[in-house]
Each structure stands twice: as structure tokens, then as C-alpha cells.
Amino acid sequence: MCFLYRLPLPQSGLGAEVVRVDTAKQRIVLKHEPIPSIKMPSMTMRFGVAKEVPLDSYQSGDRVQFQFKEAGGSLDVTALEKLNESTSPTFIAWDVGIDWSGKCCPMGF
């Protein structure tokens, strides 16, 4: 017998909301959460986007998570993923079970 718990797992990216998309110039404006690694508070700002990242499926109001790199004094998005309505921008829950012996057993995604 297992007891079911929901544990938060950190996401691989930062949470944001899409404000504007410019596919012609491969740029995106995001209202992003704080970025502790570069001591940047939450704000709305424009990012360049790597050519490998398609922008045509994003629109204003989409909730996303993203990764970036610093390049030549600018910040460029290197990965972008749309979040569905049930996914939190700060964590993803993973179902696990704890059996009578104390072992942790994955219950699926």
C-alpha cells in the first residue's frame, strides 16, 4: 500500500508572460519573474531569441518558462516553452507514493 503525495520539483526555466512577439526580428517581450543569477528584479523587457527557437506559436498573454544566455551585453532566449493553465510558473508537481517500508515509489506523471 502506498500513500500519495504531491511534491514540487523546480522547473528548468524562469516563469514569464508573453507581452509581444516580433517574428520578423526574432524578438520577444516578456514580463518575467526575478532572475537571481544576474540580480535582476521582475520586469517587462525585450529579449533576442535564438534562431532555433520558433516564435510563431506564441502570442500575447501566453504563460511560458524560458532559459536565456548573456551574449554581448544582451540577454537572448535559448529555450521557450508554453505552460498550460494547470501548470504553475514556479514549480511542477510530481506524484510519488510512500509505501509501508518508507520507500518512495513514483506514481506516474
PDB file of N, CA and C in Angstrom:
ATOM      1  N   MET A   1       0.846  -1.188   0.000  1.00  0.00           N
ATOM      2  CA  MET A   1       0.000   0.000   0.000  1.00  0.00           C
ATOM      3  C   MET A   1       0.882   1.239   0.000  1.00  0.00           C
ATOM      4  N   CYS A   2       0.557   2.202  -0.850  1.00  0.00           N
ATOM      5  CA  CYS A   2       1.306   3.455  -0.940  1.00  0.00           C
ATOM      6  C   CYS A   2       0.391   4.632  -0.604  1.00  0.00           C
ATOM      7  N   PHE A   3       0.958   5.622   0.047  1.00  0.00           N
ATOM      8  CA  PHE A   3       0.259   6.879   0.296  1.00  0.00           C
ATOM      9  C   PHE A   3       0.721   7.862  -0.766  1.00  0.00           C
ATOM     10  N   LEU A   4      -0.178   8.627  -1.319  1.00  0.00           N
ATOM     11  CA  LEU A   4       0.140   9.513  -2.429  1.00  0.00           C
ATOM     12  C   LEU A   4       0.402  10.934  -1.934  1.00  0.00           C
ATOM     13  N   TYR A   5       1.506  11.524  -2.359  1.00  0.00           N
ATOM     14  CA  TYR A   5       1.869  12.896  -2.032  1.00  0.00           C
ATOM     15  C   TYR A   5       2.182  13.636  -3.331  1.00  0.00           C
ATOM     16  N   ARG A   6       2.031  14.933  -3.325  1.00  0.00           N
ATOM     17  CA  ARG A   6       2.449  15.758  -4.464  1.00  0.00           C
ATOM     18  C   ARG A   6       3.621  16.612  -3.998  1.00  0.00           C
ATOM     19  N   LEU A   7       4.759  16.424  -4.648  1.00  0.00           N
ATOM     20  CA  LEU A   7       5.975  17.145  -4.285  1.00  0.00           C
ATOM     21  C   LEU A   7       6.330  18.147  -5.373  1.00  0.00           C
ATOM     22  N   PRO A   8       6.704  19.383  -5.000  1.00  0.00           N
ATOM     23  CA  PRO A   8       7.120  20.346  -6.024  1.00  0.00           C
ATOM     24  C   PRO A   8       8.519  20.031  -6.533  1.00  0.00           C
ATOM     25  N   LEU A   9       8.693  20.103  -7.837  1.00  0.00           N
ATOM     26  CA  LEU A   9      10.002  19.971  -8.447  1.00  0.00           C
ATOM     27  C   LEU A   9      10.326  21.271  -9.156  1.00  0.00           C
ATOM     28  N   PRO A  10      11.548  21.768  -9.015  1.00  0.00           N
ATOM     29  CA  PRO A  10      11.877  23.011  -9.695  1.00  0.00           C
ATOM     30  C   PRO A  10      11.833  22.847 -11.206  1.00  0.00           C
ATOM     31  N   GLN A  11      11.410  23.895 -11.888  1.00  0.00           N
ATOM     32  CA  GLN A  11      11.425  23.881 -13.345  1.00  0.00           C
ATOM     33  C   GLN A  11      12.817  24.222 -13.826  1.00  0.00           C
ATOM     34  N   SER A  12      13.052  23.933 -15.059  1.00  0.00           N
ATOM     35  CA  SER A  12      14.358  24.215 -15.630  1.00  0.00           C
ATOM     36  C   SER A  12      14.484  25.648 -16.120  1.00  0.00           C
ATOM     37  N   GLY A  13      13.401  26.409 -16.100  1.00  0.00           N
ATOM     38  CA  GLY A  13      13.451  27.770 -16.613  1.00  0.00           C
ATOM     39  C   GLY A  13      12.776  28.760 -15.699  1.00  0.00           C
ATOM     40  N   LEU A  14      12.722  29.992 -16.160  1.00  0.00           N
ATOM     41  CA  LEU A  14      12.086  31.079 -15.428  1.00  0.00           C
ATOM     42  C   LEU A  14      10.669  31.280 -15.934  1.00  0.00           C
ATOM     43  N   GLY A  15       9.777  31.676 -15.055  1.00  0.00           N
ATOM     44  CA  GLY A  15       8.404  31.941 -15.448  1.00  0.00           C
ATOM     45  C   GLY A  15       8.242  33.332 -16.018  1.00  0.00           C
ATOM     46  N   ALA A  16       7.333  33.471 -16.984  1.00  0.00           N
ATOM     47  CA  ALA A  16       7.082  34.764 -17.611  1.00  0.00           C
ATOM     48  C   ALA A  16       5.736  34.752 -18.313  1.00  0.00           C
ATOM     49  N   GLU A  17       5.293  35.958 -18.692  1.00  0.00           N
ATOM     50  CA  GLU A  17       4.116  36.119 -19.541  1.00  0.00           C
ATOM     51  C   GLU A  17       4.551  36.839 -20.806  1.00  0.00           C
ATOM     52  N   VAL A  18       4.096  36.352 -21.940  1.00  0.00           N
ATOM     53  CA  VAL A  18       4.427  36.979 -23.224  1.00  0.00           C
ATOM     54  C   VAL A  18       3.639  38.286 -23.345  1.00  0.00           C
ATOM     55  N   VAL A  19       4.341  39.364 -23.659  1.00  0.00           N
ATOM     56  CA  VAL A  19       3.714  40.668 -23.866  1.00  0.00           C
ATOM     57  C   VAL A  19       3.571  40.938 -25.363  1.00  0.00           C
ATOM     58  N   ARG A  20       4.650  40.657 -26.117  1.00  0.00           N
ATOM     59  CA  ARG A  20       4.640  40.924 -27.556  1.00  0.00           C
ATOM     60  C   ARG A  20       5.648  39.988 -28.240  1.00  0.00           C
ATOM     61  N   VAL A  21       5.350  39.605 -29.460  1.00  0.00           N
ATOM     62  CA  VAL A  21       6.230  38.734 -30.245  1.00  0.00           C
ATOM     63  C   VAL A  21       6.520  39.417 -31.580  1.00  0.00           C
ATOM     64  N   ASP A  22       7.789  39.462 -31.955  1.00  0.00           N
ATOM     65  CA  ASP A  22       8.204  40.011 -33.246  1.00  0.00           C
ATOM     66  C   ASP A  22       8.947  38.904 -33.990  1.00  0.00           C
ATOM     67  N   THR A  23       8.207  38.138 -34.797  1.00  0.00           N
ATOM     68  CA  THR A  23       8.817  37.015 -35.512  1.00  0.00           C
ATOM     69  C   THR A  23       9.782  37.486 -36.594  1.00  0.00           C
ATOM     70  N   ALA A  24       9.516  38.626 -37.196  1.00  0.00           N
ATOM     71  CA  ALA A  24      10.384  39.138 -38.263  1.00  0.00           C
ATOM     72  C   ALA A  24      11.786  39.462 -37.741  1.00  0.00           C
ATOM     73  N   LYS A  25      11.872  40.000 -36.529  1.00  0.00           N
ATOM     74  CA  LYS A  25      13.165  40.362 -35.945  1.00  0.00           C
ATOM     75  C   LYS A  25      13.651  39.345 -34.920  1.00  0.00           C
ATOM     76  N   GLN A  26      12.904  38.231 -34.763  1.00  0.00           N
ATOM     77  CA  GLN A  26      13.249  37.159 -33.818  1.00  0.00           C
ATOM     78  C   GLN A  26      13.486  37.732 -32.408  1.00  0.00           C
ATOM     79  N   ARG A  27      12.450  38.460 -31.926  1.00  0.00           N
ATOM     80  CA  ARG A  27      12.496  39.063 -30.585  1.00  0.00           C
ATOM     81  C   ARG A  27      11.178  38.799 -29.872  1.00  0.00           C
ATOM     82  N   ILE A  28      11.247  38.856 -28.537  1.00  0.00           N
ATOM     83  CA  ILE A  28      10.051  38.671 -27.727  1.00  0.00           C
ATOM     84  C   ILE A  28      10.125  39.585 -26.512  1.00  0.00           C
ATOM     85  N   VAL A  29       8.993  40.144 -26.107  1.00  0.00           N
ATOM     86  CA  VAL A  29       8.912  40.944 -24.889  1.00  0.00           C
ATOM     87  C   VAL A  29       8.222  40.075 -23.843  1.00  0.00           C
ATOM     88  N   LEU A  30       8.913  39.900 -22.713  1.00  0.00           N
ATOM     89  CA  LEU A  30       8.405  39.070 -21.626  1.00  0.00           C
ATOM     90  C   LEU A  30       8.282  39.872 -20.344  1.00  0.00           C
ATOM     91  N   LYS A  31       7.226  39.620 -19.595  1.00  0.00           N
ATOM     92  CA  LYS A  31       7.084  40.119 -18.226  1.00  0.00           C
ATOM     93  C   LYS A  31       7.548  38.961 -17.352  1.00  0.00           C
ATOM     94  N   HIS A  32       8.797  39.013 -16.885  1.00  0.00           N
ATOM     95  CA  HIS A  32       9.422  37.858 -16.239  1.00  0.00           C
ATOM     96  C   HIS A  32       9.542  38.017 -14.733  1.00  0.00           C
ATOM     97  N   GLU A  33       9.696  36.873 -14.076  1.00  0.00           N
ATOM     98  CA  GLU A  33       9.925  36.841 -12.635  1.00  0.00           C
ATOM     99  C   GLU A  33      11.365  37.269 -12.358  1.00  0.00           C
ATOM    100  N   PRO A  34      11.742  37.499 -11.094  1.00  0.00           N
ATOM    101  CA  PRO A  34      13.127  37.882 -10.790  1.00  0.00           C
ATOM    102  C   PRO A  34      14.126  36.836 -11.304  1.00  0.00           C
ATOM    103  N   ILE A  35      15.301  37.326 -11.713  1.00  0.00           N
ATOM    104  CA  ILE A  35      16.373  36.444 -12.187  1.00  0.00           C
ATOM    105  C   ILE A  35      17.535  36.581 -11.201  1.00  0.00           C
ATOM    106  N   PRO A  36      17.558  35.731 -10.160  1.00  0.00           N
ATOM    107  CA  PRO A  36      18.568  35.862  -9.109  1.00  0.00           C
ATOM    108  C   PRO A  36      20.004  35.728  -9.600  1.00  0.00           C
ATOM    109  N   SER A  37      20.240  34.903 -10.622  1.00  0.00           N
ATOM    110  CA  SER A  37      21.612  34.666 -11.084  1.00  0.00           C
ATOM    111  C   SER A  37      22.301  35.935 -11.584  1.00  0.00           C
ATOM    112  N   ILE A  38      21.518  36.903 -12.052  1.00  0.00           N
ATOM    113  CA  ILE A  38      22.109  38.164 -12.504  1.00  0.00           C
ATOM    114  C   ILE A  38      21.560  39.354 -11.697  1.00  0.00           C
ATOM    115  N   LYS A  39      20.930  39.037 -10.554  1.00  0.00           N
ATOM    116  CA  LYS A  39      20.398  40.055  -9.630  1.00  0.00           C
ATOM    117  C   LYS A  39      19.449  41.024 -10.329  1.00  0.00           C
ATOM    118  N   MET A  40      18.546  40.488 -11.151  1.00  0.00           N
ATOM    119  CA  MET A  40      17.594  41.314 -11.877  1.00  0.00           C
ATOM    120  C   MET A  40      16.201  41.120 -11.272  1.00  0.00           C
ATOM    121  N   PRO A  41      15.530  42.206 -10.911  1.00  0.00           N
ATOM    122  CA  PRO A  41      14.166  42.075 -10.389  1.00  0.00           C
ATOM    123  C   PRO A  41      13.182  41.714 -11.502  1.00  0.00           C
ATOM    124  N   SER A  42      11.975  41.358 -11.119  1.00  0.00           N
ATOM    125  CA  SER A  42      10.964  41.084 -12.137  1.00  0.00           C
ATOM    126  C   SER A  42      10.687  42.369 -12.905  1.00  0.00           C
ATOM    127  N   MET A  43      10.467  42.231 -14.197  1.00  0.00           N
ATOM    128  CA  MET A  43      10.209  43.388 -15.050  1.00  0.00           C
ATOM    129  C   MET A  43       9.709  42.932 -16.409  1.00  0.00           C
ATOM    130  N   THR A  44       9.334  43.878 -17.220  1.00  0.00           N
ATOM    131  CA  THR A  44       8.957  43.628 -18.607  1.00  0.00           C
ATOM    132  C   THR A  44      10.091  44.118 -19.483  1.00  0.00           C
ATOM    133  N   MET A  45      10.615  43.221 -20.330  1.00  0.00           N
ATOM    134  CA  MET A  45      11.747  43.619 -21.173  1.00  0.00           C
ATOM    135  C   MET A  45      11.788  42.796 -22.456  1.00  0.00           C
ATOM    136  N   ARG A  46      12.522  43.335 -23.432  1.00  0.00           N
ATOM    137  CA  ARG A  46      12.686  42.671 -24.725  1.00  0.00           C
ATOM    138  C   ARG A  46      13.908  41.761 -24.683  1.00  0.00           C
ATOM    139  N   PHE A  47      13.761  40.577 -25.271  1.00  0.00           N
ATOM    140  CA  PHE A  47      14.844  39.609 -25.396  1.00  0.00           C
ATOM    141  C   PHE A  47      15.027  39.276 -26.869  1.00  0.00           C
ATOM    142  N   GLY A  48      16.284  39.092 -27.273  1.00  0.00           N
ATOM    143  CA  GLY A  48      16.542  38.455 -28.549  1.00  0.00           C
ATOM    144  C   GLY A  48      16.225  36.972 -28.372  1.00  0.00           C
ATOM    145  N   VAL A  49      15.979  36.271 -29.457  1.00  0.00           N
ATOM    146  CA  VAL A  49      15.639  34.849 -29.377  1.00  0.00           C
ATOM    147  C   VAL A  49      16.526  34.081 -30.349  1.00  0.00           C
ATOM    148  N   ALA A  50      17.124  32.988 -29.872  1.00  0.00           N
ATOM    149  CA  ALA A  50      17.967  32.149 -30.726  1.00  0.00           C
ATOM    150  C   ALA A  50      17.180  31.673 -31.940  1.00  0.00           C
ATOM    151  N   LYS A  51      17.862  31.565 -33.069  1.00  0.00           N
ATOM    152  CA  LYS A  51      17.202  31.181 -34.324  1.00  0.00           C
ATOM    153  C   LYS A  51      16.532  29.815 -34.250  1.00  0.00           C
ATOM    154  N   GLU A  52      17.039  28.925 -33.373  1.00  0.00           N
ATOM    155  CA  GLU A  52      16.477  27.583 -33.241  1.00  0.00           C
ATOM    156  C   GLU A  52      15.133  27.576 -32.517  1.00  0.00           C
ATOM    157  N   VAL A  53      14.768  28.700 -31.887  1.00  0.00           N
ATOM    158  CA  VAL A  53      13.530  28.774 -31.112  1.00  0.00           C
ATOM    159  C   VAL A  53      12.430  29.385 -31.970  1.00  0.00           C
ATOM    160  N   PRO A  54      11.438  28.586 -32.386  1.00  0.00           N
ATOM    161  CA  PRO A  54      10.348  29.121 -33.212  1.00  0.00           C
ATOM    162  C   PRO A  54       9.405  29.989 -32.375  1.00  0.00           C
ATOM    163  N   LEU A  55       9.025  31.132 -32.916  1.00  0.00           N
ATOM    164  CA  LEU A  55       8.153  32.058 -32.178  1.00  0.00           C
ATOM    165  C   LEU A  55       6.720  32.077 -32.692  1.00  0.00           C
ATOM    166  N   ASP A  56       6.448  31.413 -33.805  1.00  0.00           N
ATOM    167  CA  ASP A  56       5.141  31.532 -34.443  1.00  0.00           C
ATOM    168  C   ASP A  56       3.970  30.978 -33.638  1.00  0.00           C
ATOM    169  N   SER A  57       4.221  30.164 -32.621  1.00  0.00           N
ATOM    170  CA  SER A  57       3.110  29.610 -31.832  1.00  0.00           C
ATOM    171  C   SER A  57       2.857  30.387 -30.534  1.00  0.00           C
ATOM    172  N   TYR A  58       3.546  31.507 -30.335  1.00  0.00           N
ATOM    173  CA  TYR A  58       3.386  32.298 -29.110  1.00  0.00           C
ATOM    174  C   TYR A  58       2.637  33.590 -29.406  1.00  0.00           C
ATOM    175  N   GLN A  59       1.837  34.001 -28.424  1.00  0.00           N
ATOM    176  CA  GLN A  59       1.102  35.259 -28.569  1.00  0.00           C
ATOM    177  C   GLN A  59       0.987  35.945 -27.215  1.00  0.00           C
ATOM    178  N   SER A  60       0.596  37.192 -27.241  1.00  0.00           N
ATOM    179  CA  SER A  60       0.434  37.985 -26.024  1.00  0.00           C
ATOM    180  C   SER A  60      -0.486  37.263 -25.047  1.00  0.00           C
ATOM    181  N   GLY A  61      -0.065  37.220 -23.785  1.00  0.00           N
ATOM    182  CA  GLY A  61      -0.858  36.582 -22.735  1.00  0.00           C
ATOM    183  C   GLY A  61      -0.464  35.156 -22.423  1.00  0.00           C
ATOM    184  N   ASP A  62       0.328  34.510 -23.296  1.00  0.00           N
ATOM    185  CA  ASP A  62       0.766  33.141 -23.029  1.00  0.00           C
ATOM    186  C   ASP A  62       1.673  33.109 -21.803  1.00  0.00           C
ATOM    187  N   ARG A  63       1.477  32.117 -20.937  1.00  0.00           N
ATOM    188  CA  ARG A  63       2.379  31.870 -19.815  1.00  0.00           C
ATOM    189  C   ARG A  63       3.457  30.920 -20.316  1.00  0.00           C
ATOM    190  N   VAL A  64       4.719  31.255 -20.056  1.00  0.00           N
ATOM    191  CA  VAL A  64       5.844  30.464 -20.558  1.00  0.00           C
ATOM    192  C   VAL A  64       6.895  30.281 -19.475  1.00  0.00           C
ATOM    193  N   GLN A  65       7.774  29.342 -19.729  1.00  0.00           N
ATOM    194  CA  GLN A  65       9.029  29.277 -18.981  1.00  0.00           C
ATOM    195  C   GLN A  65      10.129  29.386 -20.023  1.00  0.00           C
ATOM    196  N   PHE A  66      11.238  30.002 -19.634  1.00  0.00           N
ATOM    197  CA  PHE A  66      12.297  30.226 -20.624  1.00  0.00           C
ATOM    198  C   PHE A  66      13.661  30.107 -19.987  1.00  0.00           C
ATOM    199  N   GLN A  67      14.654  29.896 -20.832  1.00  0.00           N
ATOM    200  CA  GLN A  67      16.049  29.935 -20.443  1.00  0.00           C
ATOM    201  C   GLN A  67      16.726  30.975 -21.315  1.00  0.00           C
ATOM    202  N   PHE A  68      17.814  31.536 -20.821  1.00  0.00           N
ATOM    203  CA  PHE A  68      18.492  32.592 -21.572  1.00  0.00           C
ATOM    204  C   PHE A  68      19.987  32.480 -21.370  1.00  0.00           C
ATOM    205  N   LYS A  69      20.718  33.225 -22.196  1.00  0.00           N
ATOM    206  CA  LYS A  69      22.156  33.375 -22.017  1.00  0.00           C
ATOM    207  C   LYS A  69      22.491  34.845 -22.211  1.00  0.00           C
ATOM    208  N   GLU A  70      23.564  35.260 -21.570  1.00  0.00           N
ATOM    209  CA  GLU A  70      24.074  36.616 -21.781  1.00  0.00           C
ATOM    210  C   GLU A  70      25.012  36.570 -22.980  1.00  0.00           C
ATOM    211  N   ALA A  71      24.801  37.474 -23.933  1.00  0.00           N
ATOM    212  CA  ALA A  71      25.641  37.498 -25.131  1.00  0.00           C
ATOM    213  C   ALA A  71      25.874  38.935 -25.561  1.00  0.00           C
ATOM    214  N   GLY A  72      27.106  39.381 -25.468  1.00  0.00           N
ATOM    215  CA  GLY A  72      27.453  40.720 -25.928  1.00  0.00           C
ATOM    216  C   GLY A  72      26.651  41.826 -25.270  1.00  0.00           C
ATOM    217  N   GLY A  73      26.391  41.697 -23.982  1.00  0.00           N
ATOM    218  CA  GLY A  73      25.648  42.731 -23.260  1.00  0.00           C
ATOM    219  C   GLY A  73      24.137  42.617 -23.368  1.00  0.00           C
ATOM    220  N   SER A  74      23.642  41.629 -24.097  1.00  0.00           N
ATOM    221  CA  SER A  74      22.193  41.443 -24.177  1.00  0.00           C
ATOM    222  C   SER A  74      21.830  40.058 -23.654  1.00  0.00           C
ATOM    223  N   LEU A  75      20.548  39.873 -23.392  1.00  0.00           N
ATOM    224  CA  LEU A  75      20.047  38.581 -22.937  1.00  0.00           C
ATOM    225  C   LEU A  75      19.255  37.951 -24.069  1.00  0.00           C
ATOM    226  N   ASP A  76      19.613  36.733 -24.437  1.00  0.00           N
ATOM    227  CA  ASP A  76      18.950  36.032 -25.539  1.00  0.00           C
ATOM    228  C   ASP A  76      18.276  34.766 -25.025  1.00  0.00           C
ATOM    229  N   VAL A  77      17.016  34.582 -25.400  1.00  0.00           N
ATOM    230  CA  VAL A  77      16.269  33.382 -25.040  1.00  0.00           C
ATOM    231  C   VAL A  77      16.817  32.218 -25.848  1.00  0.00           C
ATOM    232  N   THR A  78      17.170  31.124 -25.139  1.00  0.00           N
ATOM    233  CA  THR A  78      17.701  29.930 -25.793  1.00  0.00           C
ATOM    234  C   THR A  78      16.709  28.765 -25.761  1.00  0.00           C
ATOM    235  N   ALA A  79      15.694  28.861 -24.904  1.00  0.00           N
ATOM    236  CA  ALA A  79      14.648  27.838 -24.821  1.00  0.00           C
ATOM    237  C   ALA A  79      13.375  28.516 -24.349  1.00  0.00           C
ATOM    238  N   LEU A  80      12.247  28.108 -24.915  1.00  0.00           N
ATOM    239  CA  LEU A  80      10.958  28.717 -24.604  1.00  0.00           C
ATOM    240  C   LEU A  80       9.897  27.629 -24.658  1.00  0.00           C
ATOM    241  N   GLU A  81       9.091  27.551 -23.602  1.00  0.00           N
ATOM    242  CA  GLU A  81       8.058  26.522 -23.536  1.00  0.00           C
ATOM    243  C   GLU A  81       6.775  27.123 -22.983  1.00  0.00           C
ATOM    244  N   LYS A  82       5.674  26.877 -23.685  1.00  0.00           N
ATOM    245  CA  LYS A  82       4.371  27.369 -23.239  1.00  0.00           C
ATOM    246  C   LYS A  82       3.890  26.509 -22.076  1.00  0.00           C
ATOM    247  N   LEU A  83       3.373  27.162 -21.037  1.00  0.00           N
ATOM    248  CA  LEU A  83       2.802  26.454 -19.897  1.00  0.00           C
ATOM    249  C   LEU A  83       1.303  26.348 -20.093  1.00  0.00           C
ATOM    250  N   ASN A  84       0.745  25.200 -19.728  1.00  0.00           N
ATOM    251  CA  ASN A  84      -0.712  25.099 -19.814  1.00  0.00           C
ATOM    252  C   ASN A  84      -1.325  25.736 -18.572  1.00  0.00           C
ATOM    253  N   GLU A  85      -2.614  25.918 -18.563  1.00  0.00           N
ATOM    254  CA  GLU A  85      -3.299  26.640 -17.488  1.00  0.00           C
ATOM    255  C   GLU A  85      -3.121  25.993 -16.125  1.00  0.00           C
ATOM    256  N   SER A  86      -2.937  24.670 -16.073  1.00  0.00           N
ATOM    257  CA  SER A  86      -2.841  23.982 -14.787  1.00  0.00           C
ATOM    258  C   SER A  86      -1.425  23.930 -14.249  1.00  0.00           C
ATOM    259  N   THR A  87      -0.434  24.379 -15.034  1.00  0.00           N
ATOM    260  CA  THR A  87       0.953  24.332 -14.599  1.00  0.00           C
ATOM    261  C   THR A  87       1.346  25.644 -13.951  1.00  0.00           C
ATOM    262  N   SER A  88       1.898  25.570 -12.781  1.00  0.00           N
ATOM    263  CA  SER A  88       2.361  26.760 -12.080  1.00  0.00           C
ATOM    264  C   SER A  88       3.647  27.263 -12.705  1.00  0.00           C
ATOM    265  N   PRO A  89       3.878  28.572 -12.744  1.00  0.00           N
ATOM    266  CA  PRO A  89       5.139  29.082 -13.286  1.00  0.00           C
ATOM    267  C   PRO A  89       6.326  28.863 -12.367  1.00  0.00           C
ATOM    268  N   THR A  90       6.097  28.460 -11.112  1.00  0.00           N
ATOM    269  CA  THR A  90       7.208  28.312 -10.189  1.00  0.00           C
ATOM    270  C   THR A  90       7.560  26.875  -9.852  1.00  0.00           C
ATOM    271  N   PHE A  91       6.651  25.919 -10.085  1.00  0.00           N
ATOM    272  CA  PHE A  91       7.006  24.526  -9.871  1.00  0.00           C
ATOM    273  C   PHE A  91       6.057  23.602 -10.615  1.00  0.00           C
ATOM    274  N   ILE A  92       6.543  22.392 -10.833  1.00  0.00           N
ATOM    275  CA  ILE A  92       5.727  21.341 -11.421  1.00  0.00           C
ATOM    276  C   ILE A  92       5.580  20.259 -10.368  1.00  0.00           C
ATOM    277  N   ALA A  93       4.375  19.774 -10.139  1.00  0.00           N
ATOM    278  CA  ALA A  93       4.165  18.731  -9.135  1.00  0.00           C
ATOM    279  C   ALA A  93       4.409  17.359  -9.743  1.00  0.00           C
ATOM    280  N   TRP A  94       4.949  16.467  -8.950  1.00  0.00           N
ATOM    281  CA  TRP A  94       5.204  15.099  -9.358  1.00  0.00           C
ATOM    282  C   TRP A  94       4.570  14.195  -8.322  1.00  0.00           C
ATOM    283  N   ASP A  95       3.750  13.262  -8.742  1.00  0.00           N
ATOM    284  CA  ASP A  95       3.100  12.344  -7.818  1.00  0.00           C
ATOM    285  C   ASP A  95       4.071  11.243  -7.408  1.00  0.00           C
ATOM    286  N   VAL A  96       4.214  11.039  -6.098  1.00  0.00           N
ATOM    287  CA  VAL A  96       5.021   9.937  -5.582  1.00  0.00           C
ATOM    288  C   VAL A  96       4.225   9.230  -4.509  1.00  0.00           C
ATOM    289  N   GLY A  97       4.554   8.012  -4.278  1.00  0.00           N
ATOM    290  CA  GLY A  97       3.931   7.250  -3.205  1.00  0.00           C
ATOM    291  C   GLY A  97       4.973   6.839  -2.188  1.00  0.00           C
ATOM    292  N   ILE A  98       4.552   6.694  -0.951  1.00  0.00           N
ATOM    293  CA  ILE A  98       5.421   6.205   0.114  1.00  0.00           C
ATOM    294  C   ILE A  98       4.812   4.897   0.601  1.00  0.00           C
ATOM    295  N   ASP A  99       5.548   3.786   0.468  1.00  0.00           N
ATOM    296  CA  ASP A  99       4.979   2.516   0.920  1.00  0.00           C
ATOM    297  C   ASP A  99       5.285   2.314   2.405  1.00  0.00           C
ATOM    298  N   TRP A 100       4.794   1.222   2.982  1.00  0.00           N
ATOM    299  CA  TRP A 100       4.939   0.973   4.428  1.00  0.00           C
ATOM    300  C   TRP A 100       6.395   0.870   4.847  1.00  0.00           C
ATOM    301  N   SER A 101       7.291   0.476   3.946  1.00  0.00           N
ATOM    302  CA  SER A 101       8.698   0.345   4.318  1.00  0.00           C
ATOM    303  C   SER A 101       9.421   1.696   4.289  1.00  0.00           C
ATOM    304  N   GLY A 102       8.720   2.753   3.851  1.00  0.00           N
ATOM    305  CA  GLY A 102       9.342   4.067   3.775  1.00  0.00           C
ATOM    306  C   GLY A 102       9.962   4.364   2.430  1.00  0.00           C
ATOM    307  N   LYS A 103       9.877   3.402   1.505  1.00  0.00           N
ATOM    308  CA  LYS A 103      10.436   3.617   0.167  1.00  0.00           C
ATOM    309  C   LYS A 103       9.545   4.558  -0.618  1.00  0.00           C
ATOM    310  N   CYS A 104      10.175   5.346  -1.440  1.00  0.00           N
ATOM    311  CA  CYS A 104       9.459   6.280  -2.308  1.00  0.00           C
ATOM    312  C   CYS A 104       9.283   5.626  -3.670  1.00  0.00           C
ATOM    313  N   CYS A 105       8.051   5.580  -4.150  1.00  0.00           N
ATOM    314  CA  CYS A 105       7.802   4.942  -5.445  1.00  0.00           C
ATOM    315  C   CYS A 105       7.043   5.906  -6.351  1.00  0.00           C
ATOM    316  N   PRO A 106       7.561   6.195  -7.560  1.00  0.00           N
ATOM    317  CA  PRO A 106       6.859   7.090  -8.486  1.00  0.00           C
ATOM    318  C   PRO A 106       5.486   6.532  -8.839  1.00  0.00           C
ATOM    319  N   MET A 107       4.514   7.427  -8.918  1.00  0.00           N
ATOM    320  CA  MET A 107       3.149   7.029  -9.233  1.00  0.00           C
ATOM    321  C   MET A 107       2.760   7.430 -10.651  1.00  0.00           C
ATOM    322  N   GLY A 108       3.661   8.023 -11.387  1.00  0.00           N
ATOM    323  CA  GLY A 108       3.347   8.434 -12.756  1.00  0.00           C
ATOM    324  C   GLY A 108       3.282   9.934 -12.891  1.00  0.00           C
ATOM    325  N   PHE A 109       3.185  10.372 -14.132  1.00  0.00           N
ATOM    326  CA  PHE A 109       3.149  11.809 -14.417  1.00  0.00           C
ATOM    327  C   PHE A 109       1.781  12.204 -14.846  1.00  0.00           C
TER     328      PHE A 109
END
